[in-house]
Amino acid sequence: MRRPKVQSRVSQDVKLAIEKLMEKTGLSESALVEELLVQALSEQDTELATTFLVPKLEAMMDKAMDQYFQRTSKLQARAALQATMNTQLLLAMYQVMHPKADESILRQVLQESRRIAHDSMTRRNKDVEAVLGALMEVGADVTP
């Protein structure tokens, strides 16, 4: 039975590498190319995972992380706006309760309320850090 014919064009470098392997192994060009193709096809499952699945997984993770960070930034913007409003309300309430308060005391109240708002916005979130740490470990395990 006649074997099917497969043709391909390759670069000059690949052709030279095939010729060197032919000299080393003593195989004909056809036999050597067939052996290389059989070997490549036997490793196809792991190669497919590396070539196709890992990039898709990375793209999915990137998209999920982008969505997470966009949502987080919107939440932080809302929290900053709310903190500003709370600061203004606190200052107004203080002025109503202490109508004779001088400018320096009002400035201190304003600064302290801003500091509290800033601290609440910049405090570390251990849950987020745990998730990001786990993702970094997974990323380190996946990268070749």
Foldseek 3Di string as FASTA:
>chain_A
DDDDDDDDDDDPVVVVVLVVVCVVVVDDSVVSVVVVVVVCVVCVVVVCCLPPVVVVVVVVVVVVVVVVVVVVVVVLVVLLVVLVVVLVVVLVVVCVVCVPDDPVVSVVSSVVSVVVSVCVSPPDDVVVVVVVVVVVVVVVVSDD
